[in-house]
């Protein structure tokens, strides 16, 4: 599938900012699941943009505006082609015990994706869930899909029920959250089960964005209007398998990968600082359409 994605972020200040410094992780990747065709980032007022690649391989655009301004608009426009790439069956069929042995042999390479991270600490409820869903003799692929399904069935998608910094244990207690929460719950359980995985931030074509002619041809998908989050699991052999616990599915052609890391903090779409005032209003809008 081919999509055009327009991501618009507006910071409206209460007064006048004397200078602003921002980081944007808004550039879709090119990998075996998708191809970036074109990309443009525009800021108003104009600022100097420096582009670099961070530790996790994300494209980062650092923007500086060193004159007075009352608002800051960032608009990212991308065109992306996505592909359906199935995982290798052999990697899904091996047992949890066999997979753990392989992961331990690559522990240094996978270290960040096996350990607790700033936004995803371990806890007793997480360990109990990992022990329940990941038995040593069971197939890896079957167990991963079981966790994906468990989250969909046991946690309600409820916008406004959590904040950016809501802990995983709170989400499990209240049994509600949004895509970011579900992804981080899944990651916590997987890392407790010694299975390497990473957080993915990107876009999803939801029901409101689909073409009318396609309405009856694909399952319904839900997600945030601004962005979406899911999980990629590192399978033995090196294939990153994308799973979307919000929708209890394998992330496919209707998902667009933008940034990844240990958790949300490593892949935040925009963040920054400014001097002289405070934010009165932040608005984000994403328009995703097939082309």
C-alpha atoms as a PDB file:
ATOM      1  CA  UNK A   1       0.000   0.000   0.000  1.00  0.00           C
ATOM      2  CA  UNK A   2       1.064   3.582  -0.564  1.00  0.00           C
ATOM      3  CA  UNK A   3       0.251   6.416   1.823  1.00  0.00           C
ATOM      4  CA  UNK A   4       0.721  10.152   2.110  1.00  0.00           C
ATOM      5  CA  UNK A   5       0.999  11.247   5.744  1.00  0.00           C
ATOM      6  CA  UNK A   6       0.726  14.830   6.934  1.00  0.00           C
ATOM      7  CA  UNK A   7       1.698  15.334  10.599  1.00  0.00           C
ATOM      8  CA  UNK A   8       1.059  18.844  11.967  1.00  0.00           C
ATOM      9  CA  UNK A   9       2.197  20.005  15.438  1.00  0.00           C
ATOM     10  CA  UNK A  10       1.389  23.504  16.698  1.00  0.00           C
ATOM     11  CA  UNK A  11       2.763  25.048  19.897  1.00  0.00           C
ATOM     12  CA  UNK A  12       0.834  28.223  20.749  1.00  0.00           C
ATOM     13  CA  UNK A  13       2.532  30.237  23.499  1.00  0.00           C
ATOM     14  CA  UNK A  14       0.895  32.363  26.168  1.00  0.00           C
ATOM     15  CA  UNK A  15       3.356  35.162  25.424  1.00  0.00           C
ATOM     16  CA  UNK A  16       6.467  35.622  23.307  1.00  0.00           C
ATOM     17  CA  UNK A  17       9.215  33.001  23.285  1.00  0.00           C
ATOM     18  CA  UNK A  18      12.699  34.431  22.874  1.00  0.00           C
ATOM     19  CA  UNK A  19      14.119  31.176  21.461  1.00  0.00           C
ATOM     20  CA  UNK A  20      13.126  27.533  20.939  1.00  0.00           C
ATOM     21  CA  UNK A  21      15.010  24.270  20.512  1.00  0.00           C
ATOM     22  CA  UNK A  22      13.121  21.178  19.323  1.00  0.00           C
ATOM     23  CA  UNK A  23      13.795  17.579  18.348  1.00  0.00           C
ATOM     24  CA  UNK A  24      11.515  15.780  15.896  1.00  0.00           C
ATOM     25  CA  UNK A  25      11.397  12.045  15.224  1.00  0.00           C
ATOM     26  CA  UNK A  26       8.893  12.146  12.376  1.00  0.00           C
ATOM     27  CA  UNK A  27      10.703  10.499   9.462  1.00  0.00           C
ATOM     28  CA  UNK A  28       9.365   7.038   8.463  1.00  0.00           C
ATOM     29  CA  UNK A  29      12.077   4.417   8.092  1.00  0.00           C
ATOM     30  CA  UNK A  30      13.009   2.322   5.097  1.00  0.00           C
ATOM     31  CA  UNK A  31      13.299  -1.372   5.974  1.00  0.00           C
ATOM     32  CA  UNK A  32      11.989  -4.729   4.754  1.00  0.00           C
ATOM     33  CA  UNK A  33       8.409  -3.751   5.727  1.00  0.00           C
ATOM     34  CA  UNK A  34       8.250  -0.327   4.054  1.00  0.00           C
ATOM     35  CA  UNK A  35       9.985   2.183   1.746  1.00  0.00           C
ATOM     36  CA  UNK A  36      10.186   5.932   2.258  1.00  0.00           C
ATOM     37  CA  UNK A  37       9.509   7.620  -1.069  1.00  0.00           C
ATOM     38  CA  UNK A  38       9.613  11.313  -0.110  1.00  0.00           C
ATOM     39  CA  UNK A  39       9.746  13.457   3.005  1.00  0.00           C
ATOM     40  CA  UNK A  40       9.666  17.187   3.854  1.00  0.00           C
ATOM     41  CA  UNK A  41       9.680  19.053   7.170  1.00  0.00           C
ATOM     42  CA  UNK A  42       8.578  22.693   7.299  1.00  0.00           C
ATOM     43  CA  UNK A  43       8.706  24.969  10.350  1.00  0.00           C
ATOM     44  CA  UNK A  44       7.011  28.323  10.865  1.00  0.00           C
ATOM     45  CA  UNK A  45       8.800  30.488  11.740  1.00  0.00           C
ATOM     46  CA  UNK A  46      11.714  29.140   9.744  1.00  0.00           C
ATOM     47  CA  UNK A  47      14.466  27.605  11.818  1.00  0.00           C
ATOM     48  CA  UNK A  48      17.831  25.999  11.285  1.00  0.00           C
ATOM     49  CA  UNK A  49      17.493  22.202  11.041  1.00  0.00           C
ATOM     50  CA  UNK A  50      20.307  19.772  11.761  1.00  0.00           C
ATOM     51  CA  UNK A  51      19.656  16.093  10.959  1.00  0.00           C
ATOM     52  CA  UNK A  52      21.359  13.139  12.616  1.00  0.00           C
ATOM     53  CA  UNK A  53      20.750   9.464  13.459  1.00  0.00           C
ATOM     54  CA  UNK A  54      20.356   8.583  17.129  1.00  0.00           C
ATOM     55  CA  UNK A  55      21.565   5.484  19.001  1.00  0.00           C
ATOM     56  CA  UNK A  56      18.467   3.474  18.059  1.00  0.00           C
ATOM     57  CA  UNK A  57      18.705   4.315  14.352  1.00  0.00           C
ATOM     58  CA  UNK A  58      15.968   6.956  14.328  1.00  0.00           C
ATOM     59  CA  UNK A  59      16.277  10.002  12.076  1.00  0.00           C
ATOM     60  CA  UNK A  60      16.257  13.093  14.332  1.00  0.00           C
ATOM     61  CA  UNK A  61      15.766  16.654  13.123  1.00  0.00           C
ATOM     62  CA  UNK A  62      17.048  19.215  15.631  1.00  0.00           C
ATOM     63  CA  UNK A  63      15.444  22.619  15.089  1.00  0.00           C
ATOM     64  CA  UNK A  64      16.609  25.933  16.562  1.00  0.00           C
ATOM     65  CA  UNK A  65      14.799  29.283  16.397  1.00  0.00           C
ATOM     66  CA  UNK A  66      16.785  32.095  17.997  1.00  0.00           C
ATOM     67  CA  UNK A  67      14.454  35.047  17.510  1.00  0.00           C
ATOM     68  CA  UNK A  68      11.162  36.055  19.127  1.00  0.00           C
ATOM     69  CA  UNK A  69       8.002  34.188  18.139  1.00  0.00           C
ATOM     70  CA  UNK A  70       4.532  33.562  19.551  1.00  0.00           C
ATOM     71  CA  UNK A  71       3.925  30.108  18.085  1.00  0.00           C
ATOM     72  CA  UNK A  72       5.796  27.242  16.461  1.00  0.00           C
ATOM     73  CA  UNK A  73       4.354  25.065  13.706  1.00  0.00           C
ATOM     74  CA  UNK A  74       6.022  21.853  12.524  1.00  0.00           C
ATOM     75  CA  UNK A  75       4.555  20.120   9.492  1.00  0.00           C
ATOM     76  CA  UNK A  76       5.952  16.816   8.265  1.00  0.00           C
ATOM     77  CA  UNK A  77       4.760  15.399   4.923  1.00  0.00           C
ATOM     78  CA  UNK A  78       5.806  11.876   3.926  1.00  0.00           C
ATOM     79  CA  UNK A  79       4.969   9.375   1.236  1.00  0.00           C
ATOM     80  CA  UNK A  80       5.524   5.731   2.139  1.00  0.00           C
ATOM     81  CA  UNK A  81       4.960   2.357   0.500  1.00  0.00           C
ATOM     82  CA  UNK A  82       4.304  -0.583   2.835  1.00  0.00           C
ATOM     83  CA  UNK A  83       4.673  -4.339   2.280  1.00  0.00           C
ATOM     84  CA  UNK A  84       3.334  -7.508   3.842  1.00  0.00           C
ATOM     85  CA  UNK A  85       6.388  -9.525   4.935  1.00  0.00           C
ATOM     86  CA  UNK A  86       5.651 -12.794   6.789  1.00  0.00           C
ATOM     87  CA  UNK A  87       8.043 -13.974   9.512  1.00  0.00           C
ATOM     88  CA  UNK A  88      10.120 -17.133   9.006  1.00  0.00           C
ATOM     89  CA  UNK A  89       8.032 -20.092  10.190  1.00  0.00           C
ATOM     90  CA  UNK A  90      11.046 -21.830  11.711  1.00  0.00           C
ATOM     91  CA  UNK A  91      11.629 -18.948  14.125  1.00  0.00           C
ATOM     92  CA  UNK A  92       8.028 -19.112  15.363  1.00  0.00           C
ATOM     93  CA  UNK A  93       8.014 -22.891  15.812  1.00  0.00           C
ATOM     94  CA  UNK A  94      10.936 -23.251  18.205  1.00  0.00           C
ATOM     95  CA  UNK A  95      10.173 -23.508  21.906  1.00  0.00           C
ATOM     96  CA  UNK A  96      10.483 -20.707  24.432  1.00  0.00           C
ATOM     97  CA  UNK A  97      13.347 -22.619  26.068  1.00  0.00           C
ATOM     98  CA  UNK A  98      15.267 -22.915  22.776  1.00  0.00           C
ATOM     99  CA  UNK A  99      14.649 -19.254  21.963  1.00  0.00           C
ATOM    100  CA  UNK A 100      16.021 -18.182  25.352  1.00  0.00           C
ATOM    101  CA  UNK A 101      19.222 -20.105  24.732  1.00  0.00           C
ATOM    102  CA  UNK A 102      19.695 -18.277  21.429  1.00  0.00           C
ATOM    103  CA  UNK A 103      18.948 -14.897  23.027  1.00  0.00           C
ATOM    104  CA  UNK A 104      21.466 -15.536  25.813  1.00  0.00           C
ATOM    105  CA  UNK A 105      24.160 -16.162  23.195  1.00  0.00           C
ATOM    106  CA  UNK A 106      23.405 -12.696  21.746  1.00  0.00           C
ATOM    107  CA  UNK A 107      22.840 -10.930  25.070  1.00  0.00           C
ATOM    108  CA  UNK A 108      25.335  -8.129  24.458  1.00  0.00           C
ATOM    109  CA  UNK A 109      23.759  -7.269  21.089  1.00  0.00           C
ATOM    110  CA  UNK A 110      20.221  -7.345  22.512  1.00  0.00           C
ATOM    111  CA  UNK A 111      20.960  -5.945  25.969  1.00  0.00           C
ATOM    112  CA  UNK A 112      18.822  -2.766  25.750  1.00  0.00           C
ATOM    113  CA  UNK A 113      15.818  -4.779  24.559  1.00  0.00           C
ATOM    114  CA  UNK A 114      16.050  -7.369  27.329  1.00  0.00           C
ATOM    115  CA  UNK A 115      16.450  -5.096  30.340  1.00  0.00           C
ATOM    116  CA  UNK A 116      14.047  -2.770  32.200  1.00  0.00           C
ATOM    117  CA  UNK A 117      14.089   0.773  30.823  1.00  0.00           C
ATOM    118  CA  UNK A 118      13.235   4.213  32.256  1.00  0.00           C
ATOM    119  CA  UNK A 119       9.532   4.000  31.347  1.00  0.00           C
ATOM    120  CA  UNK A 120       9.195   0.211  31.682  1.00  0.00           C
ATOM    121  CA  UNK A 121      10.417  -1.112  35.056  1.00  0.00           C
ATOM    122  CA  UNK A 122       9.721  -4.668  36.188  1.00  0.00           C
ATOM    123  CA  UNK A 123       7.169  -5.565  38.886  1.00  0.00           C
ATOM    124  CA  UNK A 124       5.657  -8.632  40.532  1.00  0.00           C
ATOM    125  CA  UNK A 125       2.391  -8.465  38.523  1.00  0.00           C
ATOM    126  CA  UNK A 126       4.434  -8.388  35.312  1.00  0.00           C
ATOM    127  CA  UNK A 127       6.526 -11.402  36.380  1.00  0.00           C
ATOM    128  CA  UNK A 128       3.389 -13.384  37.269  1.00  0.00           C
ATOM    129  CA  UNK A 129       1.869 -12.678  33.870  1.00  0.00           C
ATOM    130  CA  UNK A 130       5.080 -13.654  32.066  1.00  0.00           C
ATOM    131  CA  UNK A 131       5.246 -16.965  33.960  1.00  0.00           C
ATOM    132  CA  UNK A 132       1.600 -17.655  33.129  1.00  0.00           C
ATOM    133  CA  UNK A 133       1.813 -16.968  29.389  1.00  0.00           C
ATOM    134  CA  UNK A 134       5.343 -18.167  28.532  1.00  0.00           C
ATOM    135  CA  UNK A 135       5.981 -21.804  29.390  1.00  0.00           C
ATOM    136  CA  UNK A 136       9.421 -23.223  28.392  1.00  0.00           C
ATOM    137  CA  UNK A 137       8.067 -26.036  26.193  1.00  0.00           C
ATOM    138  CA  UNK A 138       5.526 -23.957  24.259  1.00  0.00           C
ATOM    139  CA  UNK A 139       6.199 -22.598  20.732  1.00  0.00           C
ATOM    140  CA  UNK A 140       7.503 -19.027  20.628  1.00  0.00           C
ATOM    141  CA  UNK A 141       5.102 -17.742  17.964  1.00  0.00           C
ATOM    142  CA  UNK A 142       2.038 -19.204  19.640  1.00  0.00           C
ATOM    143  CA  UNK A 143       3.044 -17.683  22.984  1.00  0.00           C
ATOM    144  CA  UNK A 144       3.614 -14.237  21.468  1.00  0.00           C
ATOM    145  CA  UNK A 145       0.186 -14.244  19.849  1.00  0.00           C
ATOM    146  CA  UNK A 146      -1.345 -15.405  23.141  1.00  0.00           C
ATOM    147  CA  UNK A 147       0.070 -12.328  24.926  1.00  0.00           C
ATOM    148  CA  UNK A 148      -1.087 -10.069  22.086  1.00  0.00           C
ATOM    149  CA  UNK A 149      -4.604 -11.481  22.472  1.00  0.00           C
ATOM    150  CA  UNK A 150      -4.537 -11.353  26.287  1.00  0.00           C
ATOM    151  CA  UNK A 151      -3.929  -7.591  26.235  1.00  0.00           C
ATOM    152  CA  UNK A 152      -6.775  -6.987  23.784  1.00  0.00           C
ATOM    153  CA  UNK A 153      -9.215  -9.065  25.844  1.00  0.00           C
ATOM    154  CA  UNK A 154      -8.239  -7.907  29.332  1.00  0.00           C
ATOM    155  CA  UNK A 155      -7.415  -4.204  28.848  1.00  0.00           C
ATOM    156  CA  UNK A 156      -9.990  -1.707  27.572  1.00  0.00           C
ATOM    157  CA  UNK A 157      -8.996   0.936  25.024  1.00  0.00           C
ATOM    158  CA  UNK A 158     -10.026   4.124  26.827  1.00  0.00           C
ATOM    159  CA  UNK A 159      -8.560   7.485  25.697  1.00  0.00           C
ATOM    160  CA  UNK A 160      -7.946   9.841  28.619  1.00  0.00           C
ATOM    161  CA  UNK A 161      -7.626   7.050  31.183  1.00  0.00           C
ATOM    162  CA  UNK A 162      -3.827   7.392  31.400  1.00  0.00           C
ATOM    163  CA  UNK A 163      -1.055   9.961  30.972  1.00  0.00           C
ATOM    164  CA  UNK A 164       2.259   9.736  29.166  1.00  0.00           C
ATOM    165  CA  UNK A 165       3.987   8.682  32.404  1.00  0.00           C
ATOM    166  CA  UNK A 166       1.379   6.225  33.736  1.00  0.00           C
ATOM    167  CA  UNK A 167       3.254   3.132  35.052  1.00  0.00           C
ATOM    168  CA  UNK A 168       2.665  -0.323  33.598  1.00  0.00           C
ATOM    169  CA  UNK A 169       1.455  -1.621  36.981  1.00  0.00           C
ATOM    170  CA  UNK A 170      -1.252   1.081  37.086  1.00  0.00           C
ATOM    171  CA  UNK A 171      -2.468   0.124  33.620  1.00  0.00           C
ATOM    172  CA  UNK A 172      -2.720  -3.512  34.715  1.00  0.00           C
ATOM    173  CA  UNK A 173      -4.591  -2.527  37.882  1.00  0.00           C
ATOM    174  CA  UNK A 174      -7.148  -0.289  36.186  1.00  0.00           C
ATOM    175  CA  UNK A 175      -7.372  -2.570  33.129  1.00  0.00           C
ATOM    176  CA  UNK A 176      -7.552   0.373  30.731  1.00  0.00           C
ATOM    177  CA  UNK A 177      -5.270   2.564  28.676  1.00  0.00           C
ATOM    178  CA  UNK A 178      -4.290   3.531  25.137  1.00  0.00           C
ATOM    179  CA  UNK A 179      -1.921   2.145  22.518  1.00  0.00           C
ATOM    180  CA  UNK A 180       1.201   3.455  24.274  1.00  0.00           C
ATOM    181  CA  UNK A 181       0.174   1.702  27.488  1.00  0.00           C
ATOM    182  CA  UNK A 182      -0.648  -1.586  25.770  1.00  0.00           C
ATOM    183  CA  UNK A 183       2.689  -1.594  23.947  1.00  0.00           C
ATOM    184  CA  UNK A 184       4.588  -0.942  27.166  1.00  0.00           C
ATOM    185  CA  UNK A 185       2.639  -3.631  29.066  1.00  0.00           C
ATOM    186  CA  UNK A 186       3.520  -6.105  26.317  1.00  0.00           C
ATOM    187  CA  UNK A 187       7.186  -5.092  26.394  1.00  0.00           C
ATOM    188  CA  UNK A 188       7.368  -5.446  30.187  1.00  0.00           C
ATOM    189  CA  UNK A 189       5.947  -8.985  30.043  1.00  0.00           C
ATOM    190  CA  UNK A 190       8.213 -10.003  27.156  1.00  0.00           C
ATOM    191  CA  UNK A 191      11.356  -8.724  28.866  1.00  0.00           C
ATOM    192  CA  UNK A 192      10.344 -10.507  32.046  1.00  0.00           C
ATOM    193  CA  UNK A 193      10.079 -13.669  29.912  1.00  0.00           C
ATOM    194  CA  UNK A 194      13.626 -13.012  28.532  1.00  0.00           C
ATOM    195  CA  UNK A 195      12.360 -12.184  25.040  1.00  0.00           C
ATOM    196  CA  UNK A 196      13.941  -9.090  23.391  1.00  0.00           C
ATOM    197  CA  UNK A 197      11.559  -6.498  22.022  1.00  0.00           C
ATOM    198  CA  UNK A 198      11.308  -2.792  21.240  1.00  0.00           C
ATOM    199  CA  UNK A 199       8.727  -0.015  21.302  1.00  0.00           C
ATOM    200  CA  UNK A 200       7.612   1.326  17.910  1.00  0.00           C
ATOM    201  CA  UNK A 201       5.967   4.684  17.269  1.00  0.00           C
ATOM    202  CA  UNK A 202       4.271   5.344  13.967  1.00  0.00           C
ATOM    203  CA  UNK A 203       0.982   5.699  12.157  1.00  0.00           C
ATOM    204  CA  UNK A 204      -1.988   3.441  11.510  1.00  0.00           C
ATOM    205  CA  UNK A 205      -4.757   3.657   8.954  1.00  0.00           C
ATOM    206  CA  UNK A 206      -7.866   3.571  11.166  1.00  0.00           C
ATOM    207  CA  UNK A 207     -11.518   3.167  10.207  1.00  0.00           C
ATOM    208  CA  UNK A 208     -12.078   6.916   9.748  1.00  0.00           C
ATOM    209  CA  UNK A 209      -9.159   7.064   7.299  1.00  0.00           C
ATOM    210  CA  UNK A 210     -10.072   4.117   5.114  1.00  0.00           C
ATOM    211  CA  UNK A 211     -11.557   4.470   1.664  1.00  0.00           C
ATOM    212  CA  UNK A 212     -15.286   3.725   1.514  1.00  0.00           C
ATOM    213  CA  UNK A 213     -14.646   1.108  -1.158  1.00  0.00           C
ATOM    214  CA  UNK A 214     -12.343  -0.750   1.253  1.00  0.00           C
ATOM    215  CA  UNK A 215     -14.749  -0.710   4.199  1.00  0.00           C
ATOM    216  CA  UNK A 216     -15.746  -4.360   3.974  1.00  0.00           C
ATOM    217  CA  UNK A 217     -12.409  -5.790   2.854  1.00  0.00           C
ATOM    218  CA  UNK A 218     -10.241  -5.573   5.980  1.00  0.00           C
ATOM    219  CA  UNK A 219     -10.627  -5.877   9.749  1.00  0.00           C
ATOM    220  CA  UNK A 220     -11.346  -2.779  11.791  1.00  0.00           C
ATOM    221  CA  UNK A 221      -8.294  -1.137  13.380  1.00  0.00           C
ATOM    222  CA  UNK A 222      -8.248   1.397  16.193  1.00  0.00           C
ATOM    223  CA  UNK A 223      -5.545   3.799  17.318  1.00  0.00           C
ATOM    224  CA  UNK A 224      -4.783   7.372  18.262  1.00  0.00           C
ATOM    225  CA  UNK A 225      -5.499  10.060  15.680  1.00  0.00           C
ATOM    226  CA  UNK A 226      -2.080  11.644  16.339  1.00  0.00           C
ATOM    227  CA  UNK A 227       0.120   8.528  16.294  1.00  0.00           C
ATOM    228  CA  UNK A 228       0.101   4.843  17.159  1.00  0.00           C
ATOM    229  CA  UNK A 229       2.343   2.477  19.099  1.00  0.00           C
ATOM    230  CA  UNK A 230       3.068  -1.232  18.830  1.00  0.00           C
ATOM    231  CA  UNK A 231       5.838  -3.744  19.567  1.00  0.00           C
ATOM    232  CA  UNK A 232       8.498  -5.499  17.539  1.00  0.00           C
ATOM    233  CA  UNK A 233       9.838  -8.813  18.847  1.00  0.00           C
ATOM    234  CA  UNK A 234      13.318  -9.965  17.847  1.00  0.00           C
ATOM    235  CA  UNK A 235      12.922 -13.526  16.567  1.00  0.00           C
ATOM    236  CA  UNK A 236      15.826 -15.989  16.545  1.00  0.00           C
ATOM    237  CA  UNK A 237      17.598 -15.428  13.251  1.00  0.00           C
ATOM    238  CA  UNK A 238      17.238 -11.652  13.306  1.00  0.00           C
ATOM    239  CA  UNK A 239      13.694 -10.904  12.048  1.00  0.00           C
ATOM    240  CA  UNK A 240      11.834  -8.139  13.888  1.00  0.00           C
ATOM    241  CA  UNK A 241       8.198  -9.283  14.075  1.00  0.00           C
ATOM    242  CA  UNK A 242       5.689  -6.402  14.553  1.00  0.00           C
ATOM    243  CA  UNK A 243       2.717  -7.109  16.844  1.00  0.00           C
ATOM    244  CA  UNK A 244      -0.076  -4.655  17.638  1.00  0.00           C
ATOM    245  CA  UNK A 245      -1.686  -5.479  21.010  1.00  0.00           C
ATOM    246  CA  UNK A 246      -4.230  -2.661  20.682  1.00  0.00           C
ATOM    247  CA  UNK A 247      -5.768  -4.460  17.715  1.00  0.00           C
ATOM    248  CA  UNK A 248      -4.677  -8.042  18.521  1.00  0.00           C
ATOM    249  CA  UNK A 249      -3.003  -8.408  15.150  1.00  0.00           C
ATOM    250  CA  UNK A 250       0.323  -8.618  13.397  1.00  0.00           C
ATOM    251  CA  UNK A 251       1.198  -5.072  12.314  1.00  0.00           C
ATOM    252  CA  UNK A 252       0.976  -5.013   8.536  1.00  0.00           C
ATOM    253  CA  UNK A 253       0.546  -2.830   5.494  1.00  0.00           C
ATOM    254  CA  UNK A 254      -1.712  -0.351   7.307  1.00  0.00           C
ATOM    255  CA  UNK A 255       1.025   0.423   9.854  1.00  0.00           C
ATOM    256  CA  UNK A 256       3.856   2.882   9.122  1.00  0.00           C
ATOM    257  CA  UNK A 257       7.010   2.614  11.283  1.00  0.00           C
ATOM    258  CA  UNK A 258       8.584   5.961  12.237  1.00  0.00           C
ATOM    259  CA  UNK A 259      10.803   5.502  15.319  1.00  0.00           C
ATOM    260  CA  UNK A 260      11.738   2.862  17.877  1.00  0.00           C
ATOM    261  CA  UNK A 261      13.565   2.401  21.153  1.00  0.00           C
ATOM    262  CA  UNK A 262      13.386   0.801  24.567  1.00  0.00           C
ATOM    263  CA  UNK A 263      10.152   2.637  25.389  1.00  0.00           C
ATOM    264  CA  UNK A 264       8.120   5.752  24.569  1.00  0.00           C
ATOM    265  CA  UNK A 265      10.836   8.098  25.835  1.00  0.00           C
ATOM    266  CA  UNK A 266      13.266   6.961  23.116  1.00  0.00           C
ATOM    267  CA  UNK A 267      10.811   7.590  20.272  1.00  0.00           C
ATOM    268  CA  UNK A 268       8.801  10.671  21.280  1.00  0.00           C
ATOM    269  CA  UNK A 269       7.627  12.406  18.064  1.00  0.00           C
ATOM    270  CA  UNK A 270       8.535  15.946  19.218  1.00  0.00           C
ATOM    271  CA  UNK A 271      10.089  17.448  22.323  1.00  0.00           C
ATOM    272  CA  UNK A 272      12.050  20.532  23.216  1.00  0.00           C
ATOM    273  CA  UNK A 273      12.501  23.635  25.320  1.00  0.00           C
ATOM    274  CA  UNK A 274      11.858  27.346  24.871  1.00  0.00           C
ATOM    275  CA  UNK A 275      12.515  30.550  26.827  1.00  0.00           C
ATOM    276  CA  UNK A 276      10.405  33.490  27.913  1.00  0.00           C
ATOM    277  CA  UNK A 277       6.885  32.068  28.247  1.00  0.00           C
ATOM    278  CA  UNK A 278       4.881  28.861  28.602  1.00  0.00           C
ATOM    279  CA  UNK A 279       2.751  26.743  26.274  1.00  0.00           C
ATOM    280  CA  UNK A 280      -0.870  27.852  26.195  1.00  0.00           C
ATOM    281  CA  UNK A 281      -2.022  25.208  23.723  1.00  0.00           C
ATOM    282  CA  UNK A 282      -0.497  22.192  21.990  1.00  0.00           C
ATOM    283  CA  UNK A 283      -2.398  20.685  19.064  1.00  0.00           C
ATOM    284  CA  UNK A 284      -1.418  17.699  16.944  1.00  0.00           C
ATOM    285  CA  UNK A 285      -3.185  16.449  13.828  1.00  0.00           C
ATOM    286  CA  UNK A 286      -2.312  13.570  11.502  1.00  0.00           C
ATOM    287  CA  UNK A 287      -3.901  12.990   8.112  1.00  0.00           C
ATOM    288  CA  UNK A 288      -3.103   9.643   6.476  1.00  0.00           C
ATOM    289  CA  UNK A 289      -4.499   8.693   3.084  1.00  0.00           C
ATOM    290  CA  UNK A 290      -3.830   6.154   0.376  1.00  0.00           C
ATOM    291  CA  UNK A 291      -2.338   7.389  -2.865  1.00  0.00           C
END
